[in-house]
Amino acid sequence: MAKARIKNRIRELREASEMTQSQLAKLCGCTRQTIIMLEQERYVPSLSLAFGIADVFDVCIDDIFKPG
């Protein structure tokens, strides 16, 4: 079975907010390494993490994540 791939706009939203990876990680309750892997689309977030990221940027999950 193929691995699920999720495209995202995390880097774009983070940079538009002038936020570092470390700052975003702290707000989401994860590590900077997790943010790096998400931005590189090498990691599929849990649903709770996806909602947390959406909350930080005040957008819907659909505005960040798309199946790829």
PDB file of N, CA and C in Angstrom:
ATOM      1  N   MET A   1       0.838  -1.178   0.000  1.00  0.00           N
ATOM      2  CA  MET A   1       0.000   0.000   0.000  1.00  0.00           C
ATOM      3  C   MET A   1       0.886   1.245   0.000  1.00  0.00           C
ATOM      4  N   ALA A   2       0.519   2.224  -0.824  1.00  0.00           N
ATOM      5  CA  ALA A   2       1.300   3.453  -0.942  1.00  0.00           C
ATOM      6  C   ALA A   2       1.119   4.327   0.298  1.00  0.00           C
ATOM      7  N   LYS A   3       2.172   5.043   0.632  1.00  0.00           N
ATOM      8  CA  LYS A   3       2.108   5.977   1.748  1.00  0.00           C
ATOM      9  C   LYS A   3       1.230   7.163   1.388  1.00  0.00           C
ATOM     10  N   ALA A   4       0.463   7.638   2.365  1.00  0.00           N
ATOM     11  CA  ALA A   4      -0.370   8.824   2.148  1.00  0.00           C
ATOM     12  C   ALA A   4       0.528  10.047   2.016  1.00  0.00           C
ATOM     13  N   ARG A   5       0.203  10.898   1.075  1.00  0.00           N
ATOM     14  CA  ARG A   5       0.950  12.148   0.892  1.00  0.00           C
ATOM     15  C   ARG A   5      -0.030  13.302   1.089  1.00  0.00           C
ATOM     16  N   ILE A   6       0.379  14.269   1.841  1.00  0.00           N
ATOM     17  CA  ILE A   6      -0.444  15.443   2.094  1.00  0.00           C
ATOM     18  C   ILE A   6       0.373  16.678   1.740  1.00  0.00           C
ATOM     19  N   LYS A   7      -0.126  17.465   0.824  1.00  0.00           N
ATOM     20  CA  LYS A   7       0.509  18.740   0.489  1.00  0.00           C
ATOM     21  C   LYS A   7       0.004  19.774   1.482  1.00  0.00           C
ATOM     22  N   ASN A   8       0.835  20.772   1.770  1.00  0.00           N
ATOM     23  CA  ASN A   8       0.402  21.788   2.726  1.00  0.00           C
ATOM     24  C   ASN A   8       1.010  23.153   2.421  1.00  0.00           C
ATOM     25  N   ARG A   9       0.452  24.159   3.068  1.00  0.00           N
ATOM     26  CA  ARG A   9       0.896  25.543   2.905  1.00  0.00           C
ATOM     27  C   ARG A   9       1.505  26.078   4.204  1.00  0.00           C
ATOM     28  N   ILE A  10       2.019  25.205   5.045  1.00  0.00           N
ATOM     29  CA  ILE A  10       2.516  25.623   6.354  1.00  0.00           C
ATOM     30  C   ILE A  10       3.639  26.651   6.228  1.00  0.00           C
ATOM     31  N   ARG A  11       4.629  26.364   5.410  1.00  0.00           N
ATOM     32  CA  ARG A  11       5.753  27.294   5.268  1.00  0.00           C
ATOM     33  C   ARG A  11       5.261  28.665   4.786  1.00  0.00           C
ATOM     34  N   GLU A  12       4.413  28.659   3.786  1.00  0.00           N
ATOM     35  CA  GLU A  12       3.871  29.909   3.242  1.00  0.00           C
ATOM     36  C   GLU A  12       3.140  30.721   4.323  1.00  0.00           C
ATOM     37  N   LEU A  13       2.283  30.074   5.085  1.00  0.00           N
ATOM     38  CA  LEU A  13       1.536  30.762   6.136  1.00  0.00           C
ATOM     39  C   LEU A  13       2.446  31.219   7.269  1.00  0.00           C
ATOM     40  N   ARG A  14       3.404  30.384   7.622  1.00  0.00           N
ATOM     41  CA  ARG A  14       4.337  30.725   8.708  1.00  0.00           C
ATOM     42  C   ARG A  14       5.178  31.934   8.335  1.00  0.00           C
ATOM     43  N   GLU A  15       5.714  31.934   7.113  1.00  0.00           N
ATOM     44  CA  GLU A  15       6.546  33.060   6.681  1.00  0.00           C
ATOM     45  C   GLU A  15       5.728  34.335   6.532  1.00  0.00           C
ATOM     46  N   ALA A  16       4.494  34.229   6.076  1.00  0.00           N
ATOM     47  CA  ALA A  16       3.623  35.406   5.960  1.00  0.00           C
ATOM     48  C   ALA A  16       3.324  35.995   7.337  1.00  0.00           C
ATOM     49  N   SER A  17       3.342  35.139   8.355  1.00  0.00           N
ATOM     50  CA  SER A  17       3.113  35.583   9.738  1.00  0.00           C
ATOM     51  C   SER A  17       4.404  35.992  10.432  1.00  0.00           C
ATOM     52  N   GLU A  18       5.526  35.929   9.698  1.00  0.00           N
ATOM     53  CA  GLU A  18       6.855  36.253  10.248  1.00  0.00           C
ATOM     54  C   GLU A  18       7.135  35.448  11.516  1.00  0.00           C
ATOM     55  N   MET A  19       6.851  34.159  11.442  1.00  0.00           N
ATOM     56  CA  MET A  19       7.007  33.251  12.562  1.00  0.00           C
ATOM     57  C   MET A  19       8.129  32.257  12.247  1.00  0.00           C
ATOM     58  N   THR A  20       8.908  31.924  13.258  1.00  0.00           N
ATOM     59  CA  THR A  20       9.942  30.909  13.067  1.00  0.00           C
ATOM     60  C   THR A  20       9.327  29.525  13.228  1.00  0.00           C
ATOM     61  N   GLN A  21      10.066  28.526  12.781  1.00  0.00           N
ATOM     62  CA  GLN A  21       9.618  27.146  12.971  1.00  0.00           C
ATOM     63  C   GLN A  21       9.493  26.826  14.454  1.00  0.00           C
ATOM     64  N   SER A  22      10.409  27.319  15.247  1.00  0.00           N
ATOM     65  CA  SER A  22      10.370  27.083  16.695  1.00  0.00           C
ATOM     66  C   SER A  22       9.146  27.720  17.333  1.00  0.00           C
ATOM     67  N   GLN A  23       8.806  28.922  16.916  1.00  0.00           N
ATOM     68  CA  GLN A  23       7.622  29.593  17.457  1.00  0.00           C
ATOM     69  C   GLN A  23       6.350  28.824  17.111  1.00  0.00           C
ATOM     70  N   LEU A  24       6.256  28.386  15.870  1.00  0.00           N
ATOM     71  CA  LEU A  24       5.081  27.622  15.453  1.00  0.00           C
ATOM     72  C   LEU A  24       4.998  26.306  16.230  1.00  0.00           C
ATOM     73  N   ALA A  25       6.119  25.643  16.385  1.00  0.00           N
ATOM     74  CA  ALA A  25       6.141  24.379  17.123  1.00  0.00           C
ATOM     75  C   ALA A  25       5.648  24.575  18.556  1.00  0.00           C
ATOM     76  N   LYS A  26       6.104  25.620  19.197  1.00  0.00           N
ATOM     77  CA  LYS A  26       5.696  25.898  20.576  1.00  0.00           C
ATOM     78  C   LYS A  26       4.194  26.140  20.656  1.00  0.00           C
ATOM     79  N   LEU A  27       3.651  26.912  19.720  1.00  0.00           N
ATOM     80  CA  LEU A  27       2.219  27.202  19.711  1.00  0.00           C
ATOM     81  C   LEU A  27       1.377  25.953  19.444  1.00  0.00           C
ATOM     82  N   CYS A  28       1.942  25.009  18.692  1.00  0.00           N
ATOM     83  CA  CYS A  28       1.213  23.786  18.323  1.00  0.00           C
ATOM     84  C   CYS A  28       1.467  22.634  19.278  1.00  0.00           C
ATOM     85  N   GLY A  29       2.432  22.797  20.178  1.00  0.00           N
ATOM     86  CA  GLY A  29       2.748  21.729  21.116  1.00  0.00           C
ATOM     87  C   GLY A  29       3.492  20.568  20.493  1.00  0.00           C
ATOM     88  N   CYS A  30       4.351  20.881  19.524  1.00  0.00           N
ATOM     89  CA  CYS A  30       5.164  19.837  18.898  1.00  0.00           C
ATOM     90  C   CYS A  30       6.610  20.329  18.838  1.00  0.00           C
ATOM     91  N   THR A  31       7.462  19.582  18.173  1.00  0.00           N
ATOM     92  CA  THR A  31       8.863  19.962  18.075  1.00  0.00           C
ATOM     93  C   THR A  31       9.145  20.699  16.766  1.00  0.00           C
ATOM     94  N   ARG A  32      10.248  21.422  16.743  1.00  0.00           N
ATOM     95  CA  ARG A  32      10.676  22.095  15.516  1.00  0.00           C
ATOM     96  C   ARG A  32      10.917  21.070  14.414  1.00  0.00           C
ATOM     97  N   GLN A  33      11.441  19.915  14.776  1.00  0.00           N
ATOM     98  CA  GLN A  33      11.695  18.864  13.791  1.00  0.00           C
ATOM     99  C   GLN A  33      10.398  18.412  13.119  1.00  0.00           C
ATOM    100  N   THR A  34       9.315  18.377  13.876  1.00  0.00           N
ATOM    101  CA  THR A  34       8.014  18.020  13.299  1.00  0.00           C
ATOM    102  C   THR A  34       7.590  19.058  12.273  1.00  0.00           C
ATOM    103  N   ILE A  35       7.770  20.334  12.603  1.00  0.00           N
ATOM    104  CA  ILE A  35       7.413  21.415  11.669  1.00  0.00           C
ATOM    105  C   ILE A  35       8.267  21.304  10.403  1.00  0.00           C
ATOM    106  N   ILE A  36       9.552  21.034  10.565  1.00  0.00           N
ATOM    107  CA  ILE A  36      10.441  20.875   9.407  1.00  0.00           C
ATOM    108  C   ILE A  36       9.933  19.745   8.518  1.00  0.00           C
ATOM    109  N   MET A  37       9.610  18.600   9.104  1.00  0.00           N
ATOM    110  CA  MET A  37       9.143  17.461   8.318  1.00  0.00           C
ATOM    111  C   MET A  37       7.796  17.749   7.655  1.00  0.00           C
ATOM    112  N   LEU A  38       6.926  18.484   8.344  1.00  0.00           N
ATOM    113  CA  LEU A  38       5.652  18.867   7.739  1.00  0.00           C
ATOM    114  C   LEU A  38       5.878  19.784   6.537  1.00  0.00           C
ATOM    115  N   GLU A  39       6.730  20.777   6.708  1.00  0.00           N
ATOM    116  CA  GLU A  39       6.998  21.722   5.619  1.00  0.00           C
ATOM    117  C   GLU A  39       7.630  21.026   4.412  1.00  0.00           C
ATOM    118  N   GLN A  40       8.396  19.990   4.659  1.00  0.00           N
ATOM    119  CA  GLN A  40       9.013  19.225   3.572  1.00  0.00           C
ATOM    120  C   GLN A  40       8.075  18.147   3.027  1.00  0.00           C
ATOM    121  N   GLU A  41       6.865  18.091   3.584  1.00  0.00           N
ATOM    122  CA  GLU A  41       5.845  17.117   3.193  1.00  0.00           C
ATOM    123  C   GLU A  41       6.341  15.678   3.341  1.00  0.00           C
ATOM    124  N   ARG A  42       7.127  15.464   4.408  1.00  0.00           N
ATOM    125  CA  ARG A  42       7.640  14.134   4.715  1.00  0.00           C
ATOM    126  C   ARG A  42       6.926  13.515   5.905  1.00  0.00           C
ATOM    127  N   TYR A  43       5.902  14.203   6.410  1.00  0.00           N
ATOM    128  CA  TYR A  43       5.190  13.749   7.597  1.00  0.00           C
ATOM    129  C   TYR A  43       3.723  14.136   7.462  1.00  0.00           C
ATOM    130  N   VAL A  44       2.830  13.185   7.752  1.00  0.00           N
ATOM    131  CA  VAL A  44       1.389  13.456   7.754  1.00  0.00           C
ATOM    132  C   VAL A  44       0.988  13.714   9.205  1.00  0.00           C
ATOM    133  N   PRO A  45       0.445  14.894   9.490  1.00  0.00           N
ATOM    134  CA  PRO A  45       0.139  15.237  10.881  1.00  0.00           C
ATOM    135  C   PRO A  45      -1.067  14.470  11.408  1.00  0.00           C
ATOM    136  N   SER A  46      -1.114  14.324  12.718  1.00  0.00           N
ATOM    137  CA  SER A  46      -2.316  13.784  13.356  1.00  0.00           C
ATOM    138  C   SER A  46      -3.428  14.808  13.168  1.00  0.00           C
ATOM    139  N   LEU A  47      -4.638  14.372  13.355  1.00  0.00           N
ATOM    140  CA  LEU A  47      -5.768  15.279  13.213  1.00  0.00           C
ATOM    141  C   LEU A  47      -5.699  16.406  14.236  1.00  0.00           C
ATOM    142  N   SER A  48      -5.299  16.081  15.454  1.00  0.00           N
ATOM    143  CA  SER A  48      -5.209  17.118  16.485  1.00  0.00           C
ATOM    144  C   SER A  48      -4.125  18.141  16.157  1.00  0.00           C
ATOM    145  N   LEU A  49      -3.008  17.705  15.604  1.00  0.00           N
ATOM    146  CA  LEU A  49      -1.953  18.643  15.208  1.00  0.00           C
ATOM    147  C   LEU A  49      -2.417  19.501  14.032  1.00  0.00           C
ATOM    148  N   ALA A  50      -3.108  18.894  13.078  1.00  0.00           N
ATOM    149  CA  ALA A  50      -3.612  19.654  11.932  1.00  0.00           C
ATOM    150  C   ALA A  50      -4.577  20.742  12.400  1.00  0.00           C
ATOM    151  N   PHE A  51      -5.479  20.394  13.338  1.00  0.00           N
ATOM    152  CA  PHE A  51      -6.395  21.399  13.878  1.00  0.00           C
ATOM    153  C   PHE A  51      -5.629  22.479  14.637  1.00  0.00           C
ATOM    154  N   GLY A  52      -4.590  22.084  15.373  1.00  0.00           N
ATOM    155  CA  GLY A  52      -3.786  23.058  16.113  1.00  0.00           C
ATOM    156  C   GLY A  52      -3.097  24.048  15.191  1.00  0.00           C
ATOM    157  N   ILE A  53      -2.554  23.559  14.092  1.00  0.00           N
ATOM    158  CA  ILE A  53      -1.900  24.444  13.122  1.00  0.00           C
ATOM    159  C   ILE A  53      -2.924  25.383  12.500  1.00  0.00           C
ATOM    160  N   ALA A  54      -4.083  24.852  12.139  1.00  0.00           N
ATOM    161  CA  ALA A  54      -5.143  25.683  11.560  1.00  0.00           C
ATOM    162  C   ALA A  54      -5.570  26.765  12.551  1.00  0.00           C
ATOM    163  N   ASP A  55      -5.655  26.419  13.829  1.00  0.00           N
ATOM    164  CA  ASP A  55      -6.027  27.404  14.851  1.00  0.00           C
ATOM    165  C   ASP A  55      -5.000  28.522  14.956  1.00  0.00           C
ATOM    166  N   VAL A  56      -3.727  28.171  14.903  1.00  0.00           N
ATOM    167  CA  VAL A  56      -2.670  29.176  14.988  1.00  0.00           C
ATOM    168  C   VAL A  56      -2.816  30.219  13.877  1.00  0.00           C
ATOM    169  N   PHE A  57      -3.121  29.747  12.669  1.00  0.00           N
ATOM    170  CA  PHE A  57      -3.227  30.657  11.522  1.00  0.00           C
ATOM    171  C   PHE A  57      -4.652  31.161  11.303  1.00  0.00           C
ATOM    172  N   ASP A  58      -5.584  30.723  12.153  1.00  0.00           N
ATOM    173  CA  ASP A  58      -6.990  31.143  12.081  1.00  0.00           C
ATOM    174  C   ASP A  58      -7.592  30.883  10.698  1.00  0.00           C
ATOM    175  N   VAL A  59      -7.361  29.662  10.207  1.00  0.00           N
ATOM    176  CA  VAL A  59      -7.917  29.222   8.919  1.00  0.00           C
ATOM    177  C   VAL A  59      -8.491  27.815   9.090  1.00  0.00           C
ATOM    178  N   CYS A  60      -9.235  27.364   8.104  1.00  0.00           N
ATOM    179  CA  CYS A  60      -9.766  25.998   8.103  1.00  0.00           C
ATOM    180  C   CYS A  60      -8.656  25.023   7.689  1.00  0.00           C
ATOM    181  N   ILE A  61      -8.760  23.805   8.145  1.00  0.00           N
ATOM    182  CA  ILE A  61      -7.786  22.775   7.770  1.00  0.00           C
ATOM    183  C   ILE A  61      -7.668  22.676   6.256  1.00  0.00           C
ATOM    184  N   ASP A  62      -8.815  22.773   5.553  1.00  0.00           N
ATOM    185  CA  ASP A  62      -8.807  22.687   4.082  1.00  0.00           C
ATOM    186  C   ASP A  62      -7.977  23.788   3.428  1.00  0.00           C
ATOM    187  N   ASP A  63      -7.777  24.895   4.139  1.00  0.00           N
ATOM    188  CA  ASP A  63      -6.970  25.981   3.601  1.00  0.00           C
ATOM    189  C   ASP A  63      -5.467  25.702   3.713  1.00  0.00           C
ATOM    190  N   ILE A  64      -5.116  24.672   4.471  1.00  0.00           N
ATOM    191  CA  ILE A  64      -3.697  24.335   4.673  1.00  0.00           C
ATOM    192  C   ILE A  64      -3.327  23.015   3.999  1.00  0.00           C
ATOM    193  N   PHE A  65      -4.140  21.999   4.222  1.00  0.00           N
ATOM    194  CA  PHE A  65      -3.803  20.646   3.800  1.00  0.00           C
ATOM    195  C   PHE A  65      -4.658  20.174   2.625  1.00  0.00           C
ATOM    196  N   LYS A  66      -3.999  19.531   1.664  1.00  0.00           N
ATOM    197  CA  LYS A  66      -4.676  18.939   0.500  1.00  0.00           C
ATOM    198  C   LYS A  66      -4.055  17.580   0.230  1.00  0.00           C
ATOM    199  N   PRO A  67      -4.875  16.592  -0.164  1.00  0.00           N
ATOM    200  CA  PRO A  67      -4.294  15.304  -0.538  1.00  0.00           C
ATOM    201  C   PRO A  67      -3.379  15.470  -1.749  1.00  0.00           C
ATOM    202  N   GLY A  68      -2.301  14.763  -1.742  1.00  0.00           N
ATOM    203  CA  GLY A  68      -1.359  14.927  -2.832  1.00  0.00           C
ATOM    204  C   GLY A  68      -0.932  13.655  -3.365  1.00  0.00           C
TER     205      GLY A  68
END
